[in-house]
Amino acid sequence: MNTKAMESLFNDIGDYHKDLIIKVLSDNASEEEIGIVNEWIAQSEDHALYFHQIKNSWQVSSIIQKTDFFDTETAWKKAQSLI
């Protein structure tokens, strides 16, 4: 799916489903909400593709967020103590 098609799909998806997707990805969704998202994903290939692209972005941002907390000062001191 190209960027314009993805933007169009994003605009077509209601806030309700966007909020539920965020809850699912952040592990804050109830079993019922997970079921609603799974049913929504099963409704169309576009929904499934959208969900998986958002999930991939979510996972990448999580990895980046973890690396943002790298403490260079502590790492440098540890490296110096090994020399």
N, C-alpha and C. Protein backbone atom coordinates (compact mmCIF):
# COMPACT_ATOMS: atom_id res chain seq x y z
N MET A 1 0.86 -1.18 0.00
CA MET A 1 0.00 0.00 0.00
C MET A 1 0.90 1.23 0.00
N ASN A 2 0.64 2.17 -0.91
CA ASN A 2 1.46 3.37 -0.97
C ASN A 2 1.06 4.35 0.14
N THR A 3 1.85 5.39 0.28
CA THR A 3 1.65 6.35 1.37
C THR A 3 0.30 7.04 1.28
N LYS A 4 -0.11 7.44 0.08
CA LYS A 4 -1.40 8.12 -0.07
C LYS A 4 -2.56 7.20 0.30
N ALA A 5 -2.47 5.96 -0.11
CA ALA A 5 -3.53 5.00 0.23
C ALA A 5 -3.58 4.78 1.74
N MET A 6 -2.40 4.72 2.36
CA MET A 6 -2.34 4.54 3.81
C MET A 6 -2.93 5.75 4.52
N GLU A 7 -2.62 6.94 4.05
CA GLU A 7 -3.18 8.16 4.64
C GLU A 7 -4.70 8.17 4.50
N SER A 8 -5.19 7.76 3.34
CA SER A 8 -6.63 7.72 3.10
C SER A 8 -7.29 6.73 4.06
N LEU A 9 -6.68 5.56 4.21
CA LEU A 9 -7.22 4.56 5.12
C LEU A 9 -7.20 5.08 6.56
N PHE A 10 -6.11 5.73 6.94
CA PHE A 10 -6.00 6.31 8.29
C PHE A 10 -7.13 7.29 8.54
N ASN A 11 -7.43 8.12 7.56
CA ASN A 11 -8.49 9.13 7.69
C ASN A 11 -9.87 8.48 7.75
N ASP A 12 -10.01 7.31 7.11
CA ASP A 12 -11.30 6.62 7.09
C ASP A 12 -11.58 5.84 8.38
N ILE A 13 -10.54 5.50 9.10
CA ILE A 13 -10.72 4.72 10.33
C ILE A 13 -11.15 5.65 11.45
N GLY A 14 -12.18 5.25 12.13
CA GLY A 14 -12.70 6.09 13.21
C GLY A 14 -11.79 6.08 14.43
N ASP A 15 -11.97 7.12 15.25
CA ASP A 15 -11.18 7.23 16.47
C ASP A 15 -11.38 6.03 17.39
N TYR A 16 -12.57 5.46 17.37
CA TYR A 16 -12.87 4.31 18.21
C TYR A 16 -11.89 3.17 17.94
N HIS A 17 -11.72 2.81 16.68
CA HIS A 17 -10.82 1.71 16.34
C HIS A 17 -9.35 2.11 16.55
N LYS A 18 -9.02 3.36 16.25
CA LYS A 18 -7.65 3.82 16.49
C LYS A 18 -7.31 3.71 17.98
N ASP A 19 -8.24 4.13 18.83
CA ASP A 19 -8.02 4.05 20.28
C ASP A 19 -7.88 2.61 20.74
N LEU A 20 -8.72 1.73 20.19
CA LEU A 20 -8.63 0.32 20.56
C LEU A 20 -7.30 -0.30 20.12
N ILE A 21 -6.84 0.06 18.93
CA ILE A 21 -5.56 -0.45 18.44
C ILE A 21 -4.44 -0.02 19.38
N ILE A 22 -4.46 1.22 19.80
CA ILE A 22 -3.44 1.71 20.74
C ILE A 22 -3.52 0.95 22.05
N LYS A 23 -4.72 0.71 22.54
CA LYS A 23 -4.87 -0.05 23.78
C LYS A 23 -4.32 -1.47 23.64
N VAL A 24 -4.59 -2.09 22.50
CA VAL A 24 -4.08 -3.45 22.26
C VAL A 24 -2.56 -3.44 22.21
N LEU A 25 -1.98 -2.52 21.47
CA LEU A 25 -0.53 -2.48 21.32
C LEU A 25 0.20 -2.12 22.62
N SER A 26 -0.48 -1.38 23.49
CA SER A 26 0.14 -0.99 24.76
C SER A 26 -0.22 -1.95 25.90
N ASP A 27 -0.84 -3.08 25.54
CA ASP A 27 -1.24 -4.11 26.52
C ASP A 27 -2.20 -3.58 27.58
N ASN A 28 -3.07 -2.67 27.20
CA ASN A 28 -4.06 -2.10 28.11
C ASN A 28 -5.49 -2.44 27.71
N ALA A 29 -5.65 -3.34 26.76
CA ALA A 29 -6.99 -3.67 26.26
C ALA A 29 -7.56 -4.85 27.03
N SER A 30 -8.88 -4.82 27.20
CA SER A 30 -9.57 -5.95 27.80
C SER A 30 -9.70 -7.06 26.75
N GLU A 31 -10.11 -8.24 27.20
CA GLU A 31 -10.32 -9.35 26.26
C GLU A 31 -11.38 -8.97 25.21
N GLU A 32 -12.40 -8.26 25.65
CA GLU A 32 -13.46 -7.84 24.74
C GLU A 32 -12.90 -6.89 23.68
N GLU A 33 -12.07 -5.94 24.10
CA GLU A 33 -11.49 -4.97 23.16
C GLU A 33 -10.54 -5.67 22.19
N ILE A 34 -9.79 -6.63 22.67
CA ILE A 34 -8.90 -7.40 21.78
C ILE A 34 -9.74 -8.13 20.73
N GLY A 35 -10.86 -8.69 21.17
CA GLY A 35 -11.76 -9.37 20.23
C GLY A 35 -12.32 -8.42 19.19
N ILE A 36 -12.67 -7.23 19.60
CA ILE A 36 -13.20 -6.23 18.65
C ILE A 36 -12.14 -5.88 17.61
N VAL A 37 -10.90 -5.69 18.05
CA VAL A 37 -9.82 -5.37 17.11
C VAL A 37 -9.57 -6.55 16.18
N ASN A 38 -9.56 -7.77 16.71
CA ASN A 38 -9.35 -8.94 15.86
C ASN A 38 -10.46 -9.09 14.82
N GLU A 39 -11.70 -8.83 15.22
CA GLU A 39 -12.81 -8.87 14.26
C GLU A 39 -12.65 -7.80 13.20
N TRP A 40 -12.23 -6.61 13.62
CA TRP A 40 -12.03 -5.50 12.68
C TRP A 40 -10.93 -5.85 11.69
N ILE A 41 -9.84 -6.45 12.18
CA ILE A 41 -8.73 -6.86 11.30
C ILE A 41 -9.22 -7.88 10.28
N ALA A 42 -10.07 -8.80 10.71
CA ALA A 42 -10.56 -9.86 9.82
C ALA A 42 -11.54 -9.35 8.76
N GLN A 43 -12.07 -8.15 8.93
CA GLN A 43 -13.05 -7.61 8.00
C GLN A 43 -12.47 -7.28 6.63
N SER A 44 -11.19 -6.90 6.57
CA SER A 44 -10.63 -6.57 5.26
C SER A 44 -9.11 -6.64 5.29
N GLU A 45 -8.55 -6.83 4.10
CA GLU A 45 -7.09 -6.86 3.97
C GLU A 45 -6.50 -5.50 4.32
N ASP A 46 -7.21 -4.43 3.99
CA ASP A 46 -6.73 -3.09 4.32
C ASP A 46 -6.63 -2.90 5.83
N HIS A 47 -7.63 -3.39 6.55
CA HIS A 47 -7.58 -3.28 8.01
C HIS A 47 -6.39 -4.05 8.56
N ALA A 48 -6.19 -5.27 8.05
CA ALA A 48 -5.07 -6.10 8.51
C ALA A 48 -3.74 -5.42 8.20
N LEU A 49 -3.61 -4.90 7.00
CA LEU A 49 -2.38 -4.23 6.61
C LEU A 49 -2.14 -3.00 7.47
N TYR A 50 -3.18 -2.22 7.70
CA TYR A 50 -3.07 -1.03 8.54
C TYR A 50 -2.61 -1.42 9.95
N PHE A 51 -3.27 -2.42 10.53
CA PHE A 51 -2.91 -2.84 11.88
C PHE A 51 -1.45 -3.28 11.95
N HIS A 52 -1.02 -4.09 11.00
CA HIS A 52 0.35 -4.60 11.04
C HIS A 52 1.38 -3.50 10.80
N GLN A 53 1.06 -2.52 9.98
CA GLN A 53 1.99 -1.41 9.79
C GLN A 53 2.07 -0.56 11.06
N ILE A 54 0.94 -0.33 11.71
CA ILE A 54 0.95 0.42 12.97
C ILE A 54 1.71 -0.38 14.04
N LYS A 55 1.48 -1.69 14.08
CA LYS A 55 2.17 -2.54 15.04
C LYS A 55 3.69 -2.50 14.82
N ASN A 56 4.11 -2.57 13.56
CA ASN A 56 5.55 -2.50 13.26
C ASN A 56 6.13 -1.16 13.69
N SER A 57 5.42 -0.09 13.41
CA SER A 57 5.88 1.25 13.81
C SER A 57 5.95 1.34 15.34
N TRP A 58 4.96 0.77 16.00
CA TRP A 58 4.91 0.77 17.47
C TRP A 58 6.14 0.05 18.03
N GLN A 59 6.47 -1.10 17.45
CA GLN A 59 7.61 -1.88 17.93
C GLN A 59 8.93 -1.16 17.67
N VAL A 60 9.07 -0.55 16.51
CA VAL A 60 10.28 0.20 16.20
C VAL A 60 10.44 1.38 17.14
N SER A 61 9.35 2.09 17.39
CA SER A 61 9.45 3.25 18.28
C SER A 61 9.78 2.81 19.70
N SER A 62 9.33 1.64 20.09
CA SER A 62 9.65 1.10 21.41
C SER A 62 11.14 0.82 21.52
N ILE A 63 11.72 0.26 20.48
CA ILE A 63 13.16 -0.02 20.46
C ILE A 63 13.95 1.28 20.51
N ILE A 64 13.54 2.25 19.72
CA ILE A 64 14.23 3.55 19.70
C ILE A 64 14.13 4.21 21.06
N GLN A 65 12.96 4.14 21.67
CA GLN A 65 12.75 4.74 22.98
C GLN A 65 13.69 4.13 24.01
N LYS A 66 13.89 2.83 23.96
CA LYS A 66 14.78 2.16 24.90
C LYS A 66 16.22 2.60 24.71
N THR A 67 16.63 2.82 23.46
CA THR A 67 18.00 3.22 23.21
C THR A 67 18.25 4.69 23.52
N ASP A 68 17.18 5.48 23.61
CA ASP A 68 17.33 6.89 23.95
C ASP A 68 17.83 7.08 25.37
N PHE A 69 17.71 6.08 26.21
CA PHE A 69 18.10 6.19 27.60
C PHE A 69 19.52 5.68 27.84
N PHE A 70 20.28 5.53 26.80
CA PHE A 70 21.66 5.08 26.94
C PHE A 70 22.46 6.16 27.66
N ASP A 71 23.09 5.79 28.75
CA ASP A 71 23.85 6.73 29.57
C ASP A 71 25.32 6.66 29.16
N THR A 72 25.75 7.61 28.33
CA THR A 72 27.12 7.60 27.83
C THR A 72 28.14 7.80 28.93
N GLU A 73 27.81 8.61 29.91
CA GLU A 73 28.74 8.87 31.02
C GLU A 73 29.05 7.58 31.78
N THR A 74 28.02 6.84 32.12
CA THR A 74 28.21 5.57 32.84
C THR A 74 28.98 4.58 31.98
N ALA A 75 28.63 4.51 30.70
CA ALA A 75 29.33 3.60 29.80
C ALA A 75 30.81 3.97 29.69
N TRP A 76 31.11 5.25 29.62
CA TRP A 76 32.50 5.70 29.53
C TRP A 76 33.26 5.33 30.80
N LYS A 77 32.66 5.55 31.96
CA LYS A 77 33.32 5.19 33.22
C LYS A 77 33.57 3.69 33.29
N LYS A 78 32.62 2.91 32.86
CA LYS A 78 32.79 1.45 32.86
C LYS A 78 33.92 1.06 31.91
N ALA A 79 33.97 1.68 30.74
CA ALA A 79 35.03 1.37 29.78
C ALA A 79 36.40 1.75 30.35
N GLN A 80 36.46 2.89 31.01
CA GLN A 80 37.72 3.34 31.60
C GLN A 80 38.19 2.38 32.69
N SER A 81 37.27 1.84 33.47
CA SER A 81 37.65 0.93 34.54
C SER A 81 38.19 -0.40 33.99
N LEU A 82 37.85 -0.71 32.77
CA LEU A 82 38.33 -1.95 32.16
C LEU A 82 39.70 -1.79 31.51
N ILE A 83 40.13 -0.55 31.33
CA ILE A 83 41.41 -0.29 30.65
C ILE A 83 42.55 -0.35 31.65
